[in-house]
Amino acid sequence: MTSLDRDWYSQYSCQMTNRRVKPWIIALAVLWLSWLLGCNEDLKNQCMGVGDPSWEDVERICGDGSLSLDWENLLNPVLGFESHRLKDQSVAFHDGYFYLFAGYSYRSPDLVVWEEIPSVPAGDLCFAGDRWIVTHQVGYPDEPPDSDFRKIVWRQSFDLMGWSESEDMIQLDKDRNIDPAIAFLDEANVALVYKRGVVIQESQVVYGTFDGTGFAFGSSGKAYPGEGCVLDKEIPIIGDTITRWAENAQIIKIDGTWRIIATARHPDRPIDTGYVGSHEPFVYEIEGNDFSQWIRKRHLIIPEESWNPLMHANTAFLLDLRQYDGWFYVFYSGADRLDPDSRGHGKIGVARSRDLVDWYVPGDMTGVGDDGC
């Protein structure tokens, strides 16, 4: 066992002990994972979202040239501070500026020069016709500050600079309700996904309406990130803990198909290892308009750099900017050291792709000129 493996196992054991997970769950998970990762590559591909990346087929667009980043001379991380970490970021491109919201908020025309703007809590960002909506979580006022319980709230803005106050978005049983993301199915109807639970964490979906001033939702139900596999279906607790575990969802429509970008377990380290070598970006498709079924799970393989070997590409957020310059951009949080609470001192990196399969970090000019673009 290498020193990294020992550190990883030590941290995992400590976390699982703190969470008071029953020993039989750990034993069952270890036996199952040993078989899955060591004996059945096809099943690993199915469960963990790896394998042949040719599944994706997005339209190649050259763009109108209205965005021209100096990619060759840009450096990662594009934004970071020694005084505070950046994580759970959402990003918008509007009127020639990139807007980044990660608890602290900034904007930049070129990903080099940034200015601080009015702060918005870290969460998911959705454009809804004439406004942007941020969804995030806050603690309950009647709970102590260190409580795990969270409720879901929202804010809106018409210019990304001035924001309304946070308001309750949905009434849920008191629990750890976090990482809300919404999709507008039309002008009035929405789908909301979020994560619920402390020890056993489940993705949830609920449908509702928006009237311009607030949301009204029905009852939530379980969502299934990835098709899972035979043992997932026979022993669901393992799937929820490992292969179907997902968080920090972003819902985005690409070429007429709804997709979800979310953080999930690293295919080679699927047991919960906190932020060390575990949390990776994945893309899923929504089966029809059923947001409970996240299918065709695939790992977004972002090149590792010297600034992010510890926390590699966490809380990814995707921008489809093909209409401007022909590229998709993904913004992610990375780190080369831990904070005292072991959640990683996050800085923000960026990578780009023409097809959601091959990703290039700043300085890598691969793909320039492909298909005449």
Protein backbone atom coordinates (compact mmCIF):
# COMPACT_ATOMS: atom_id res chain seq x y z
CA MET A 1 0.00 0.00 0.00
CA THR A 2 1.46 3.37 -1.02
CA SER A 3 1.62 6.35 1.32
CA LEU A 4 -1.16 8.01 -0.71
CA ASP A 5 -3.31 4.92 -0.32
CA ARG A 6 -2.60 4.83 3.42
CA ASP A 7 -3.54 8.51 3.76
CA TRP A 8 -6.65 7.96 1.68
CA TYR A 9 -7.72 4.89 3.70
CA SER A 10 -7.00 6.65 6.99
CA GLN A 11 -9.09 9.66 6.02
CA TYR A 12 -11.88 7.42 4.68
CA SER A 13 -11.96 5.31 7.86
CA CYS A 14 -12.10 8.42 10.04
CA GLN A 15 -14.91 9.95 8.01
CA MET A 16 -16.98 6.79 8.01
CA THR A 17 -16.48 6.37 11.78
CA ASN A 18 -17.57 9.96 12.37
CA ARG A 19 -20.67 9.36 10.29
CA ARG A 20 -21.51 6.21 12.28
CA VAL A 21 -22.10 4.07 9.20
CA LYS A 22 -22.90 0.49 10.19
CA PRO A 23 -19.95 -1.94 9.83
CA TRP A 24 -21.91 -4.29 7.56
CA ILE A 25 -22.36 -1.48 5.04
CA ILE A 26 -18.62 -0.84 4.95
CA ALA A 27 -17.82 -4.56 4.62
CA LEU A 28 -20.39 -5.04 1.88
CA ALA A 29 -19.17 -1.99 0.01
CA VAL A 30 -15.54 -3.08 0.17
CA LEU A 31 -16.35 -6.59 -1.10
CA TRP A 32 -18.51 -5.21 -3.87
CA LEU A 33 -15.95 -2.61 -4.93
CA SER A 34 -13.14 -5.17 -4.94
CA TRP A 35 -15.13 -7.23 -7.40
CA LEU A 36 -16.35 -4.27 -9.44
CA LEU A 37 -13.00 -2.52 -9.85
CA GLY A 38 -10.82 -5.58 -10.14
CA CYS A 39 -12.82 -8.13 -12.07
CA ASN A 40 -15.42 -6.57 -14.32
CA GLU A 41 -14.33 -3.66 -16.51
CA ASP A 42 -17.64 -3.47 -18.38
CA LEU A 43 -19.55 -3.17 -15.12
CA LYS A 44 -17.14 -0.52 -13.88
CA ASN A 45 -17.77 1.47 -17.07
CA GLN A 46 -21.50 1.20 -16.55
CA CYS A 47 -21.53 2.06 -12.86
CA MET A 48 -18.75 4.61 -12.63
CA GLY A 49 -19.31 6.50 -15.88
CA VAL A 50 -16.07 5.72 -17.70
CA GLY A 51 -15.24 3.95 -20.95
CA ASP A 52 -15.61 4.87 -24.60
CA PRO A 53 -16.10 8.65 -24.77
CA SER A 54 -17.49 8.60 -28.32
CA TRP A 55 -21.01 8.56 -26.85
CA GLU A 56 -21.26 12.33 -27.15
CA ASP A 57 -22.43 13.92 -30.40
CA VAL A 58 -22.81 17.67 -30.09
CA GLU A 59 -23.06 20.14 -32.94
CA ARG A 60 -19.83 21.78 -34.03
CA ILE A 61 -20.33 25.55 -34.25
CA CYS A 62 -17.63 28.04 -35.23
CA GLY A 63 -19.21 31.02 -33.47
CA ASP A 64 -19.54 34.62 -34.57
CA GLY A 65 -16.14 35.71 -33.23
CA SER A 66 -17.55 38.01 -30.56
CA LEU A 67 -15.50 36.24 -27.86
CA SER A 68 -11.75 36.07 -28.33
CA LEU A 69 -9.80 34.93 -25.28
CA ASP A 70 -5.99 34.87 -25.33
CA TRP A 71 -6.09 31.16 -24.59
CA GLU A 72 -2.45 30.57 -25.50
CA ASN A 73 -1.22 32.95 -22.79
CA LEU A 74 -3.95 32.42 -20.21
CA LEU A 75 -2.89 30.63 -17.00
CA ASN A 76 -4.72 28.46 -14.49
CA PRO A 77 -5.94 29.12 -11.90
CA VAL A 78 -7.73 32.07 -13.46
CA LEU A 79 -8.90 33.27 -10.04
CA GLY A 80 -7.67 32.50 -6.52
CA PHE A 81 -6.76 34.09 -3.20
CA GLU A 82 -4.66 33.17 -0.19
CA SER A 83 -7.20 34.81 2.13
CA HIS A 84 -10.22 32.73 1.17
CA ARG A 85 -11.21 29.76 -0.93
CA LEU A 86 -13.53 29.74 -3.93
CA LYS A 87 -15.84 26.78 -4.48
CA ASP A 88 -19.39 25.84 -5.53
CA GLN A 89 -19.05 28.50 -8.21
CA SER A 90 -21.58 29.38 -10.89
CA VAL A 91 -20.67 31.39 -13.97
CA ALA A 92 -22.47 33.49 -16.59
CA PHE A 93 -21.28 35.23 -19.75
CA HIS A 94 -23.22 38.44 -20.37
CA ASP A 95 -22.51 41.66 -22.31
CA GLY A 96 -18.86 40.73 -22.81
CA TYR A 97 -18.15 39.79 -19.17
CA PHE A 98 -17.70 36.53 -17.32
CA TYR A 99 -19.57 36.74 -14.00
CA LEU A 100 -18.42 34.31 -11.31
CA PHE A 101 -20.34 33.74 -8.08
CA ALA A 102 -18.67 31.68 -5.35
CA GLY A 103 -19.69 33.35 -2.10
CA TYR A 104 -17.43 36.16 -3.24
CA SER A 105 -18.40 37.54 -6.65
CA TYR A 106 -16.32 38.87 -9.54
CA ARG A 107 -16.49 39.68 -13.22
CA SER A 108 -13.90 39.77 -15.99
CA PRO A 109 -13.84 40.46 -19.74
CA ASP A 110 -10.87 38.16 -20.39
CA LEU A 111 -10.42 35.81 -17.38
CA VAL A 112 -7.28 37.79 -16.49
CA VAL A 113 -8.42 41.10 -14.98
CA TRP A 114 -11.16 40.68 -12.38
CA GLU A 115 -13.22 43.19 -10.44
CA GLU A 116 -15.20 42.41 -7.32
CA ILE A 117 -18.96 42.96 -7.62
CA PRO A 118 -21.90 42.69 -5.19
CA SER A 119 -21.67 39.32 -3.46
CA VAL A 120 -24.07 36.46 -4.12
CA PRO A 121 -24.05 33.19 -2.15
CA ALA A 122 -22.47 30.20 -3.86
CA GLY A 123 -25.03 28.06 -5.63
CA ASP A 124 -26.52 27.23 -9.00
CA LEU A 125 -27.27 29.92 -11.60
CA CYS A 126 -30.06 29.67 -14.16
CA PHE A 127 -31.17 32.14 -16.85
CA ALA A 128 -34.94 32.36 -17.09
CA GLY A 129 -36.04 34.52 -20.01
CA ASP A 130 -35.38 37.99 -18.61
CA ARG A 131 -33.70 37.24 -15.30
CA TRP A 132 -31.06 35.15 -13.60
CA ILE A 133 -31.98 33.00 -10.63
CA VAL A 134 -29.51 31.73 -8.03
CA THR A 135 -30.55 28.77 -5.89
CA HIS A 136 -28.60 27.92 -2.75
CA GLN A 137 -28.96 26.61 0.79
CA VAL A 138 -28.92 28.28 4.21
CA GLY A 139 -29.21 27.09 7.80
CA TYR A 140 -32.47 27.09 9.71
CA PRO A 141 -32.75 30.06 12.10
CA ASP A 142 -33.81 27.76 14.94
CA GLU A 143 -30.81 25.42 14.52
CA PRO A 144 -27.29 25.91 15.96
CA PRO A 145 -24.63 27.19 13.53
CA ASP A 146 -22.93 23.78 13.28
CA SER A 147 -26.17 21.94 12.41
CA ASP A 148 -26.19 19.79 9.27
CA PHE A 149 -29.76 20.85 8.49
CA ARG A 150 -30.19 23.20 5.52
CA LYS A 151 -33.12 24.65 3.62
CA ILE A 152 -33.30 25.79 0.00
CA VAL A 153 -33.67 29.46 -0.95
CA TRP A 154 -33.42 31.59 -4.10
CA ARG A 155 -32.58 35.08 -5.37
CA GLN A 156 -33.07 36.82 -8.70
CA SER A 157 -31.40 39.57 -10.73
CA PHE A 158 -32.10 41.31 -14.02
CA ASP A 159 -28.51 42.48 -14.60
CA LEU A 160 -26.25 40.17 -12.51
CA MET A 161 -25.29 43.15 -10.36
CA GLY A 162 -28.31 43.90 -8.18
CA TRP A 163 -29.94 40.94 -6.43
CA SER A 164 -33.12 40.40 -4.44
CA GLU A 165 -32.95 39.10 -0.89
CA SER A 166 -32.99 35.34 -0.33
CA GLU A 167 -36.46 33.81 -0.05
CA ASP A 168 -37.61 30.31 0.81
CA MET A 169 -37.99 28.31 -2.39
CA ILE A 170 -39.64 25.07 -1.28
CA GLN A 171 -41.02 23.63 1.95
CA LEU A 172 -39.23 20.39 2.80
CA ASP A 173 -38.86 18.21 5.86
CA LYS A 174 -36.01 19.48 8.00
CA ASP A 175 -32.91 17.72 6.71
CA ARG A 176 -29.63 18.43 4.95
CA ASN A 177 -31.25 19.78 1.77
CA ILE A 178 -28.44 21.21 -0.37
CA ASP A 179 -27.15 21.88 -3.90
CA PRO A 180 -30.43 22.93 -5.55
CA ALA A 181 -30.49 23.42 -9.34
CA ILE A 182 -33.48 24.32 -11.52
CA ALA A 183 -34.44 23.99 -15.16
CA PHE A 184 -37.19 26.03 -16.79
CA LEU A 185 -39.16 23.57 -18.91
CA ASP A 186 -41.11 26.51 -20.34
CA GLU A 187 -41.97 30.01 -19.11
CA ALA A 188 -43.86 28.78 -16.06
CA ASN A 189 -42.94 25.15 -15.36
CA VAL A 190 -39.72 24.11 -13.64
CA ALA A 191 -37.85 21.05 -12.43
CA LEU A 192 -35.76 21.25 -9.26
CA VAL A 193 -33.07 18.76 -8.29
CA TYR A 194 -31.23 18.76 -4.97
CA LYS A 195 -29.43 16.45 -2.55
CA ARG A 196 -30.93 15.27 0.74
CA GLY A 197 -29.46 13.47 3.72
CA VAL A 198 -26.42 13.35 6.01
CA VAL A 199 -25.19 9.74 6.19
CA ILE A 200 -27.09 8.25 3.26
CA GLN A 201 -27.40 11.02 0.68
CA GLU A 202 -29.96 10.84 -2.11
CA SER A 203 -30.59 13.02 -5.15
CA GLN A 204 -34.16 14.32 -5.28
CA VAL A 205 -36.36 15.79 -8.02
CA VAL A 206 -39.54 17.85 -7.75
CA TYR A 207 -41.65 19.67 -10.33
CA GLY A 208 -43.35 23.02 -9.90
CA THR A 209 -44.26 26.40 -11.32
CA PHE A 210 -42.85 29.93 -11.24
CA ASP A 211 -45.04 33.04 -11.49
CA GLY A 212 -42.29 35.67 -11.51
CA THR A 213 -42.44 36.25 -7.77
CA GLY A 214 -42.14 32.77 -6.29
CA PHE A 215 -42.22 29.00 -6.78
CA ALA A 216 -44.86 26.38 -6.01
CA PHE A 217 -43.82 22.72 -5.92
CA GLY A 218 -45.42 19.33 -5.55
CA SER A 219 -43.94 16.39 -3.67
CA SER A 220 -40.34 15.42 -4.26
CA GLY A 221 -39.15 11.96 -5.24
CA LYS A 222 -35.88 10.12 -5.62
CA ALA A 223 -33.62 10.79 -8.61
CA TYR A 224 -31.19 8.22 -9.98
CA PRO A 225 -27.85 9.62 -11.21
CA GLY A 226 -26.68 6.96 -13.66
CA GLU A 227 -28.28 3.72 -14.76
CA GLY A 228 -26.62 1.84 -11.93
CA CYS A 229 -25.92 -1.87 -12.24
CA VAL A 230 -27.20 -5.20 -10.98
CA LEU A 231 -25.85 -4.89 -7.44
CA ASP A 232 -26.99 -1.28 -7.28
CA LYS A 233 -30.52 -2.42 -7.89
CA GLU A 234 -30.30 -5.39 -5.53
CA ILE A 235 -28.61 -3.43 -2.73
CA PRO A 236 -29.68 0.22 -3.29
CA ILE A 237 -27.89 1.55 -0.19
CA ILE A 238 -24.55 0.89 -1.89
CA GLY A 239 -25.61 2.72 -5.02
CA ASP A 240 -26.75 5.77 -3.07
CA THR A 241 -23.51 5.76 -1.07
CA ILE A 242 -21.08 5.19 -3.94
CA THR A 243 -22.05 4.86 -7.60
CA ARG A 244 -25.23 6.96 -7.66
CA TRP A 245 -23.92 9.58 -5.24
CA ALA A 246 -23.86 13.03 -6.86
CA GLU A 247 -23.91 16.66 -5.77
CA ASN A 248 -23.55 20.25 -7.04
CA ALA A 249 -25.83 19.66 -10.00
CA GLN A 250 -26.21 22.10 -12.88
CA ILE A 251 -28.99 21.56 -15.42
CA ILE A 252 -28.30 22.70 -18.98
CA LYS A 253 -29.94 22.07 -22.36
CA ILE A 254 -27.49 21.31 -25.18
CA ASP A 255 -28.71 20.83 -28.75
CA GLY A 256 -32.25 20.23 -27.49
CA THR A 257 -31.28 17.62 -24.89
CA TRP A 258 -31.36 18.23 -21.16
CA ARG A 259 -28.11 17.35 -19.43
CA ILE A 260 -26.86 17.54 -15.86
CA ILE A 261 -23.30 18.41 -14.89
CA ALA A 262 -22.58 17.09 -11.41
CA THR A 263 -19.81 16.08 -9.05
CA ALA A 264 -19.53 12.33 -8.41
CA ARG A 265 -17.00 9.75 -7.22
CA HIS A 266 -13.73 9.34 -9.07
CA PRO A 267 -13.99 6.08 -11.09
CA ASP A 268 -10.80 4.72 -9.48
CA ARG A 269 -11.57 5.91 -5.93
CA PRO A 270 -15.32 5.57 -5.51
CA ILE A 271 -15.44 5.23 -1.72
CA ASP A 272 -16.02 8.53 0.04
CA THR A 273 -12.59 10.16 0.43
CA GLY A 274 -13.77 13.69 1.12
CA TYR A 275 -12.19 16.09 -1.31
CA VAL A 276 -8.92 14.20 -1.69
CA GLY A 277 -8.81 12.45 -5.04
CA SER A 278 -12.52 11.70 -5.12
CA HIS A 279 -14.80 14.51 -6.33
CA GLU A 280 -14.81 14.66 -10.14
CA PRO A 281 -17.02 16.22 -12.85
CA PHE A 282 -19.51 14.09 -14.79
CA VAL A 283 -22.14 14.73 -17.44
CA TYR A 284 -25.47 12.89 -17.56
CA GLU A 285 -28.41 13.00 -19.94
CA ILE A 286 -32.01 13.29 -18.81
CA GLU A 287 -34.16 10.46 -20.14
CA GLY A 288 -36.93 12.28 -21.99
CA ASN A 289 -38.21 14.92 -19.61
CA ASP A 290 -38.01 12.63 -16.59
CA PHE A 291 -35.53 14.38 -14.31
CA SER A 292 -35.46 11.38 -11.99
CA GLN A 293 -33.51 9.41 -14.60
CA TRP A 294 -29.94 10.64 -15.20
CA ILE A 295 -28.55 8.32 -17.86
CA ARG A 296 -25.37 7.85 -19.93
CA LYS A 297 -23.10 9.02 -17.12
CA ARG A 298 -19.64 9.98 -18.39
CA HIS A 299 -16.54 11.35 -16.69
CA LEU A 300 -15.32 14.76 -17.90
CA ILE A 301 -11.57 14.17 -17.96
CA ILE A 302 -9.91 17.52 -17.22
CA PRO A 303 -6.09 17.60 -17.47
CA GLU A 304 -4.39 17.90 -14.09
CA GLU A 305 -1.95 20.77 -13.51
CA SER A 306 0.50 21.71 -10.78
CA TRP A 307 -2.01 23.90 -8.94
CA ASN A 308 -4.73 21.25 -8.47
CA PRO A 309 -3.28 17.81 -7.64
CA LEU A 310 -5.10 17.52 -4.30
CA MET A 311 -8.59 18.68 -5.22
CA HIS A 312 -8.59 18.27 -8.98
CA ALA A 313 -11.82 19.49 -10.61
CA ASN A 314 -14.57 19.89 -8.04
CA THR A 315 -17.97 21.63 -8.40
CA ALA A 316 -17.72 21.99 -12.19
CA PHE A 317 -19.96 24.51 -13.96
CA LEU A 318 -20.42 24.40 -17.75
CA LEU A 319 -20.93 27.30 -20.16
CA ASP A 320 -21.96 26.65 -23.75
CA LEU A 321 -20.34 29.54 -25.62
CA ARG A 322 -20.29 27.94 -29.06
CA GLN A 323 -22.34 30.77 -30.52
CA TYR A 324 -19.51 33.18 -29.66
CA ASP A 325 -16.32 31.24 -30.34
CA GLY A 326 -17.20 27.58 -30.91
CA TRP A 327 -16.22 26.24 -27.46
CA PHE A 328 -17.71 24.82 -24.30
CA TYR A 329 -16.02 26.10 -21.12
CA VAL A 330 -15.99 24.36 -17.76
CA PHE A 331 -15.03 26.22 -14.58
CA TYR A 332 -13.96 24.12 -11.60
CA SER A 333 -12.44 24.41 -8.13
CA GLY A 334 -9.01 22.93 -7.42
CA ALA A 335 -6.39 22.95 -4.70
CA ASP A 336 -2.85 21.91 -3.84
CA ARG A 337 -3.36 22.17 -0.07
CA LEU A 338 -6.08 21.65 2.50
CA ASP A 339 -7.84 24.10 4.72
CA PRO A 340 -7.89 23.30 8.46
CA ASP A 341 -11.30 21.65 7.95
CA SER A 342 -9.84 19.49 5.13
CA ARG A 343 -12.20 20.81 2.48
CA GLY A 344 -9.46 22.21 0.24
CA HIS A 345 -8.30 25.76 -0.34
CA GLY A 346 -10.12 26.27 -3.63
CA LYS A 347 -9.04 28.32 -6.61
CA ILE A 348 -10.87 28.45 -9.94
CA GLY A 349 -9.58 26.87 -13.12
CA VAL A 350 -11.02 26.68 -16.62
CA ALA A 351 -10.83 24.19 -19.49
CA ARG A 352 -12.52 24.14 -22.89
CA SER A 353 -13.83 21.57 -25.36
CA ARG A 354 -15.54 21.44 -28.73
CA ASP A 355 -17.34 18.15 -28.07
CA LEU A 356 -17.58 17.63 -24.27
CA VAL A 357 -15.11 14.75 -24.66
CA ASP A 358 -11.62 16.20 -25.22
CA TRP A 359 -10.74 19.00 -22.79
CA TYR A 360 -7.86 21.48 -23.01
CA VAL A 361 -6.45 23.75 -20.32
CA PRO A 362 -5.10 27.24 -21.04
CA GLY A 363 -2.00 27.23 -23.21
CA ASP A 364 -3.04 24.08 -25.07
CA MET A 365 -4.04 25.18 -28.57
CA THR A 366 -5.19 21.73 -29.67
CA GLY A 367 -8.46 21.93 -31.54
CA VAL A 368 -7.88 25.38 -33.01
CA GLY A 369 -8.69 25.16 -36.69
CA ASP A 370 -10.61 21.90 -36.37
CA ASP A 371 -13.56 21.77 -38.78
CA GLY A 372 -12.42 25.06 -40.24
CA CYS A 373 -12.92 26.97 -36.98
